[in-house]
């Protein structure tokens, strides 16, 4: 990696950290309120985070190959791997720097994962909870919701009605308990 590219990467990371800290420091506006759209966005984001944070899972007995760590160029070359490859400037987009979520974001995700149990199942709306879970899982895994409903012999209109009812009940419950939406949602 060239020095100019390294400087650009460091500058980009510094700007991303400034923006992230500014978003976390912003107080929630009083005119923000829970809507089904906001609930859906936060619930899908929480499921996507859970999918990413859980890591790879497999049945017992499967093993994954872990290559030894090469500390320097000499160790890499002596082990027979040849010259190490470096990405070109065009490939830097593929080498994205990901910033791990903060403790507050993780807490928000964990509480969002509990919403269906708290606001739907506890009040006898298990059908809405199941359909909301199916829809959000399809969104987080980027799979078609209509096909998932077809596989379970559920009508499209009934599935969307149950999902919308679940999102509405959760948004009403959060508003009733005076939980403030997170900034940026």
C-alpha atoms as a PDB file:
ATOM      1  CA  UNK A   1       0.000   0.000   0.000  1.00  0.00           C
ATOM      2  CA  UNK A   2       1.421   3.349  -0.961  1.00  0.00           C
ATOM      3  CA  UNK A   3       1.798   6.171   1.528  1.00  0.00           C
ATOM      4  CA  UNK A   4      -0.760   8.313  -0.306  1.00  0.00           C
ATOM      5  CA  UNK A   5      -3.285   5.490  -0.180  1.00  0.00           C
ATOM      6  CA  UNK A   6      -2.515   4.889   3.479  1.00  0.00           C
ATOM      7  CA  UNK A   7      -3.049   8.598   4.232  1.00  0.00           C
ATOM      8  CA  UNK A   8      -6.376   8.541   2.378  1.00  0.00           C
ATOM      9  CA  UNK A   9      -7.477   5.479   4.326  1.00  0.00           C
ATOM     10  CA  UNK A  10      -6.477   7.053   7.654  1.00  0.00           C
ATOM     11  CA  UNK A  11      -8.288  10.285   6.730  1.00  0.00           C
ATOM     12  CA  UNK A  12     -11.410   8.363   5.727  1.00  0.00           C
ATOM     13  CA  UNK A  13     -11.362   6.357   8.977  1.00  0.00           C
ATOM     14  CA  UNK A  14     -10.907   9.520  11.056  1.00  0.00           C
ATOM     15  CA  UNK A  15     -13.862  11.197   9.305  1.00  0.00           C
ATOM     16  CA  UNK A  16     -16.034   8.096   9.772  1.00  0.00           C
ATOM     17  CA  UNK A  17     -15.205   8.029  13.492  1.00  0.00           C
ATOM     18  CA  UNK A  18     -16.032  11.756  13.810  1.00  0.00           C
ATOM     19  CA  UNK A  19     -19.395  11.215  12.121  1.00  0.00           C
ATOM     20  CA  UNK A  20     -20.179   8.163  14.256  1.00  0.00           C
ATOM     21  CA  UNK A  21     -19.336   9.984  17.485  1.00  0.00           C
ATOM     22  CA  UNK A  22     -21.390  13.014  16.385  1.00  0.00           C
ATOM     23  CA  UNK A  23     -24.396  10.777  15.684  1.00  0.00           C
ATOM     24  CA  UNK A  24     -24.074   9.155  19.101  1.00  0.00           C
ATOM     25  CA  UNK A  25     -23.792  12.551  20.855  1.00  0.00           C
ATOM     26  CA  UNK A  26     -26.915  14.008  19.208  1.00  0.00           C
ATOM     27  CA  UNK A  27     -29.866  13.996  21.594  1.00  0.00           C
ATOM     28  CA  UNK A  28     -33.095  12.515  20.308  1.00  0.00           C
ATOM     29  CA  UNK A  29     -35.450  15.181  19.001  1.00  0.00           C
ATOM     30  CA  UNK A  30     -38.784  15.546  20.727  1.00  0.00           C
ATOM     31  CA  UNK A  31     -40.649  15.344  17.404  1.00  0.00           C
ATOM     32  CA  UNK A  32     -39.239  11.868  16.685  1.00  0.00           C
ATOM     33  CA  UNK A  33     -41.721   9.140  17.376  1.00  0.00           C
ATOM     34  CA  UNK A  34     -42.112   5.430  16.859  1.00  0.00           C
ATOM     35  CA  UNK A  35     -43.712   4.497  13.571  1.00  0.00           C
ATOM     36  CA  UNK A  36     -44.037   1.036  12.059  1.00  0.00           C
ATOM     37  CA  UNK A  37     -41.366   2.051   9.523  1.00  0.00           C
ATOM     38  CA  UNK A  38     -38.879   3.004  12.282  1.00  0.00           C
ATOM     39  CA  UNK A  39     -39.641  -0.207  14.202  1.00  0.00           C
ATOM     40  CA  UNK A  40     -39.132  -2.272  11.044  1.00  0.00           C
ATOM     41  CA  UNK A  41     -35.795  -0.614  10.260  1.00  0.00           C
ATOM     42  CA  UNK A  42     -34.446  -1.112  13.781  1.00  0.00           C
ATOM     43  CA  UNK A  43     -35.709  -4.704  14.019  1.00  0.00           C
ATOM     44  CA  UNK A  44     -34.161  -5.689  10.673  1.00  0.00           C
ATOM     45  CA  UNK A  45     -30.906  -3.945  11.641  1.00  0.00           C
ATOM     46  CA  UNK A  46     -30.865  -5.886  14.917  1.00  0.00           C
ATOM     47  CA  UNK A  47     -31.378  -9.186  13.096  1.00  0.00           C
ATOM     48  CA  UNK A  48     -28.649  -8.333  10.587  1.00  0.00           C
ATOM     49  CA  UNK A  49     -26.315  -7.498  13.483  1.00  0.00           C
ATOM     50  CA  UNK A  50     -27.194 -10.760  15.242  1.00  0.00           C
ATOM     51  CA  UNK A  51     -26.484 -12.674  12.049  1.00  0.00           C
ATOM     52  CA  UNK A  52     -23.095 -10.984  11.699  1.00  0.00           C
ATOM     53  CA  UNK A  53     -22.169 -11.162  15.406  1.00  0.00           C
ATOM     54  CA  UNK A  54     -23.088 -14.832  15.803  1.00  0.00           C
ATOM     55  CA  UNK A  55     -20.429 -15.843  13.320  1.00  0.00           C
ATOM     56  CA  UNK A  56     -20.371 -19.017  11.311  1.00  0.00           C
ATOM     57  CA  UNK A  57     -22.164 -21.978  12.782  1.00  0.00           C
ATOM     58  CA  UNK A  58     -22.063 -25.582  11.691  1.00  0.00           C
ATOM     59  CA  UNK A  59     -22.994 -29.001  13.065  1.00  0.00           C
ATOM     60  CA  UNK A  60     -20.585 -30.623  15.507  1.00  0.00           C
ATOM     61  CA  UNK A  61     -17.774 -32.472  13.815  1.00  0.00           C
ATOM     62  CA  UNK A  62     -17.161 -29.903  11.104  1.00  0.00           C
ATOM     63  CA  UNK A  63     -13.833 -28.170  11.281  1.00  0.00           C
ATOM     64  CA  UNK A  64     -12.497 -25.163   9.479  1.00  0.00           C
ATOM     65  CA  UNK A  65      -8.942 -24.712   8.288  1.00  0.00           C
ATOM     66  CA  UNK A  66      -7.024 -21.979  10.046  1.00  0.00           C
ATOM     67  CA  UNK A  67      -3.789 -20.943   8.410  1.00  0.00           C
ATOM     68  CA  UNK A  68      -0.814 -20.067  10.632  1.00  0.00           C
ATOM     69  CA  UNK A  69      -0.144 -16.397  11.194  1.00  0.00           C
ATOM     70  CA  UNK A  70       2.782 -15.056   9.178  1.00  0.00           C
ATOM     71  CA  UNK A  71       4.390 -12.312  11.228  1.00  0.00           C
ATOM     72  CA  UNK A  72       6.713 -10.876   8.581  1.00  0.00           C
ATOM     73  CA  UNK A  73       7.808 -11.135   4.957  1.00  0.00           C
ATOM     74  CA  UNK A  74      10.687 -13.568   5.662  1.00  0.00           C
ATOM     75  CA  UNK A  75       8.430 -16.076   7.441  1.00  0.00           C
ATOM     76  CA  UNK A  76       5.907 -15.816   4.619  1.00  0.00           C
ATOM     77  CA  UNK A  77       8.549 -16.370   1.939  1.00  0.00           C
ATOM     78  CA  UNK A  78      10.367 -19.194   3.789  1.00  0.00           C
ATOM     79  CA  UNK A  79       7.171 -21.174   4.263  1.00  0.00           C
ATOM     80  CA  UNK A  80       6.845 -21.494   0.493  1.00  0.00           C
ATOM     81  CA  UNK A  81       3.980 -19.093  -0.060  1.00  0.00           C
ATOM     82  CA  UNK A  82       5.959 -16.901  -2.437  1.00  0.00           C
ATOM     83  CA  UNK A  83       5.582 -13.164  -2.629  1.00  0.00           C
ATOM     84  CA  UNK A  84       2.611 -11.751  -0.725  1.00  0.00           C
ATOM     85  CA  UNK A  85      -0.027 -10.075  -2.863  1.00  0.00           C
ATOM     86  CA  UNK A  86      -1.221  -6.573  -2.150  1.00  0.00           C
ATOM     87  CA  UNK A  87      -4.420  -5.022  -3.457  1.00  0.00           C
ATOM     88  CA  UNK A  88      -4.189  -2.400  -6.179  1.00  0.00           C
ATOM     89  CA  UNK A  89      -5.648   1.047  -5.686  1.00  0.00           C
ATOM     90  CA  UNK A  90      -8.795  -0.146  -7.495  1.00  0.00           C
ATOM     91  CA  UNK A  91      -9.181  -3.014  -5.043  1.00  0.00           C
ATOM     92  CA  UNK A  92      -9.148  -0.764  -1.982  1.00  0.00           C
ATOM     93  CA  UNK A  93     -12.921  -0.466  -2.170  1.00  0.00           C
ATOM     94  CA  UNK A  94     -13.082  -4.199  -1.460  1.00  0.00           C
ATOM     95  CA  UNK A  95     -10.865  -3.747   1.628  1.00  0.00           C
ATOM     96  CA  UNK A  96     -13.422  -1.817   3.664  1.00  0.00           C
ATOM     97  CA  UNK A  97     -12.720  -0.824   7.205  1.00  0.00           C
ATOM     98  CA  UNK A  98     -15.626  -1.789   9.417  1.00  0.00           C
ATOM     99  CA  UNK A  99     -16.206  -0.019  12.689  1.00  0.00           C
ATOM    100  CA  UNK A 100     -17.591  -2.338  15.368  1.00  0.00           C
ATOM    101  CA  UNK A 101     -20.856  -1.265  16.992  1.00  0.00           C
ATOM    102  CA  UNK A 102     -20.698   0.650  20.244  1.00  0.00           C
ATOM    103  CA  UNK A 103     -22.060  -0.688  23.511  1.00  0.00           C
ATOM    104  CA  UNK A 104     -25.140   1.544  23.149  1.00  0.00           C
ATOM    105  CA  UNK A 105     -25.832   0.191  19.657  1.00  0.00           C
ATOM    106  CA  UNK A 106     -25.495  -3.401  20.872  1.00  0.00           C
ATOM    107  CA  UNK A 107     -27.883  -2.669  23.745  1.00  0.00           C
ATOM    108  CA  UNK A 108     -30.391  -1.193  21.258  1.00  0.00           C
ATOM    109  CA  UNK A 109     -30.089  -4.261  19.031  1.00  0.00           C
ATOM    110  CA  UNK A 110     -30.582  -6.645  21.936  1.00  0.00           C
ATOM    111  CA  UNK A 111     -33.667  -4.779  23.139  1.00  0.00           C
ATOM    112  CA  UNK A 112     -35.056  -4.699  19.575  1.00  0.00           C
ATOM    113  CA  UNK A 113     -34.711  -8.473  19.359  1.00  0.00           C
ATOM    114  CA  UNK A 114     -36.962  -8.746  22.430  1.00  0.00           C
ATOM    115  CA  UNK A 115     -39.758  -6.543  21.047  1.00  0.00           C
ATOM    116  CA  UNK A 116     -41.855  -9.355  19.515  1.00  0.00           C
ATOM    117  CA  UNK A 117     -41.852 -11.283  22.794  1.00  0.00           C
ATOM    118  CA  UNK A 118     -42.571  -8.199  24.892  1.00  0.00           C
ATOM    119  CA  UNK A 119     -45.236  -6.491  22.806  1.00  0.00           C
ATOM    120  CA  UNK A 120     -46.766  -9.301  20.747  1.00  0.00           C
ATOM    121  CA  UNK A 121     -46.470 -12.760  22.299  1.00  0.00           C
ATOM    122  CA  UNK A 122     -47.062 -11.496  25.847  1.00  0.00           C
ATOM    123  CA  UNK A 123     -50.374  -9.988  24.684  1.00  0.00           C
ATOM    124  CA  UNK A 124     -51.600 -12.956  22.655  1.00  0.00           C
ATOM    125  CA  UNK A 125     -50.479 -11.877  19.173  1.00  0.00           C
ATOM    126  CA  UNK A 126     -48.229 -14.833  18.380  1.00  0.00           C
ATOM    127  CA  UNK A 127     -49.312 -14.945  14.711  1.00  0.00           C
ATOM    128  CA  UNK A 128     -48.121 -11.376  14.194  1.00  0.00           C
ATOM    129  CA  UNK A 129     -44.885 -12.180  16.039  1.00  0.00           C
ATOM    130  CA  UNK A 130     -44.205 -15.192  13.824  1.00  0.00           C
ATOM    131  CA  UNK A 131     -44.961 -13.315  10.616  1.00  0.00           C
ATOM    132  CA  UNK A 132     -42.869 -10.308  11.690  1.00  0.00           C
ATOM    133  CA  UNK A 133     -40.012 -12.657  12.525  1.00  0.00           C
ATOM    134  CA  UNK A 134     -40.275 -14.377   9.145  1.00  0.00           C
ATOM    135  CA  UNK A 135     -40.399 -11.060   7.283  1.00  0.00           C
ATOM    136  CA  UNK A 136     -37.452  -9.559   9.186  1.00  0.00           C
ATOM    137  CA  UNK A 137     -35.399 -12.720   8.725  1.00  0.00           C
ATOM    138  CA  UNK A 138     -36.060 -12.621   4.989  1.00  0.00           C
ATOM    139  CA  UNK A 139     -34.979  -8.956   4.909  1.00  0.00           C
ATOM    140  CA  UNK A 140     -31.830  -9.570   6.987  1.00  0.00           C
ATOM    141  CA  UNK A 141     -30.810 -12.583   4.874  1.00  0.00           C
ATOM    142  CA  UNK A 142     -31.891 -10.884   1.609  1.00  0.00           C
ATOM    143  CA  UNK A 143     -34.384 -13.569   0.673  1.00  0.00           C
ATOM    144  CA  UNK A 144     -37.826 -13.025  -0.886  1.00  0.00           C
ATOM    145  CA  UNK A 145     -40.616 -12.843   1.694  1.00  0.00           C
ATOM    146  CA  UNK A 146     -43.269 -13.854  -0.845  1.00  0.00           C
ATOM    147  CA  UNK A 147     -41.473 -17.120  -1.578  1.00  0.00           C
ATOM    148  CA  UNK A 148     -41.133 -17.864   2.157  1.00  0.00           C
ATOM    149  CA  UNK A 149     -44.894 -17.346   2.556  1.00  0.00           C
ATOM    150  CA  UNK A 150     -45.606 -19.603  -0.430  1.00  0.00           C
ATOM    151  CA  UNK A 151     -43.472 -22.357   1.075  1.00  0.00           C
ATOM    152  CA  UNK A 152     -45.568 -22.162   4.256  1.00  0.00           C
ATOM    153  CA  UNK A 153     -48.895 -21.925   2.374  1.00  0.00           C
ATOM    154  CA  UNK A 154     -49.633 -18.465   3.768  1.00  0.00           C
ATOM    155  CA  UNK A 155     -51.529 -15.979   1.653  1.00  0.00           C
ATOM    156  CA  UNK A 156     -49.602 -12.871   0.678  1.00  0.00           C
ATOM    157  CA  UNK A 157     -52.213 -10.394   1.912  1.00  0.00           C
ATOM    158  CA  UNK A 158     -52.643 -12.220   5.234  1.00  0.00           C
ATOM    159  CA  UNK A 159     -48.879 -12.316   5.743  1.00  0.00           C
ATOM    160  CA  UNK A 160     -48.468  -8.594   5.136  1.00  0.00           C
ATOM    161  CA  UNK A 161     -51.500  -7.807   7.317  1.00  0.00           C
ATOM    162  CA  UNK A 162     -50.036  -9.794  10.231  1.00  0.00           C
ATOM    163  CA  UNK A 163     -46.630  -8.151   9.723  1.00  0.00           C
ATOM    164  CA  UNK A 164     -48.129  -4.645   9.631  1.00  0.00           C
ATOM    165  CA  UNK A 165     -50.252  -5.357  12.699  1.00  0.00           C
ATOM    166  CA  UNK A 166     -47.166  -6.556  14.579  1.00  0.00           C
ATOM    167  CA  UNK A 167     -45.142  -3.481  13.615  1.00  0.00           C
ATOM    168  CA  UNK A 168     -48.007  -1.216  14.611  1.00  0.00           C
ATOM    169  CA  UNK A 169     -48.490  -2.898  18.004  1.00  0.00           C
ATOM    170  CA  UNK A 170     -44.770  -2.691  18.759  1.00  0.00           C
ATOM    171  CA  UNK A 171     -44.612   1.001  17.806  1.00  0.00           C
ATOM    172  CA  UNK A 172     -47.638   1.739  20.008  1.00  0.00           C
ATOM    173  CA  UNK A 173     -46.109  -0.184  22.922  1.00  0.00           C
ATOM    174  CA  UNK A 174     -42.782   1.652  22.629  1.00  0.00           C
ATOM    175  CA  UNK A 175     -44.543   5.024  22.437  1.00  0.00           C
ATOM    176  CA  UNK A 176     -46.730   4.120  25.430  1.00  0.00           C
ATOM    177  CA  UNK A 177     -43.628   3.267  27.504  1.00  0.00           C
ATOM    178  CA  UNK A 178     -41.970   6.542  26.378  1.00  0.00           C
ATOM    179  CA  UNK A 179     -38.960   4.785  24.842  1.00  0.00           C
ATOM    180  CA  UNK A 180     -37.127   7.258  22.617  1.00  0.00           C
ATOM    181  CA  UNK A 181     -36.108   6.137  19.110  1.00  0.00           C
ATOM    182  CA  UNK A 182     -32.385   5.998  18.453  1.00  0.00           C
ATOM    183  CA  UNK A 183     -30.846   8.873  16.472  1.00  0.00           C
ATOM    184  CA  UNK A 184     -30.620   8.448  12.741  1.00  0.00           C
ATOM    185  CA  UNK A 185     -33.637   6.155  12.398  1.00  0.00           C
END
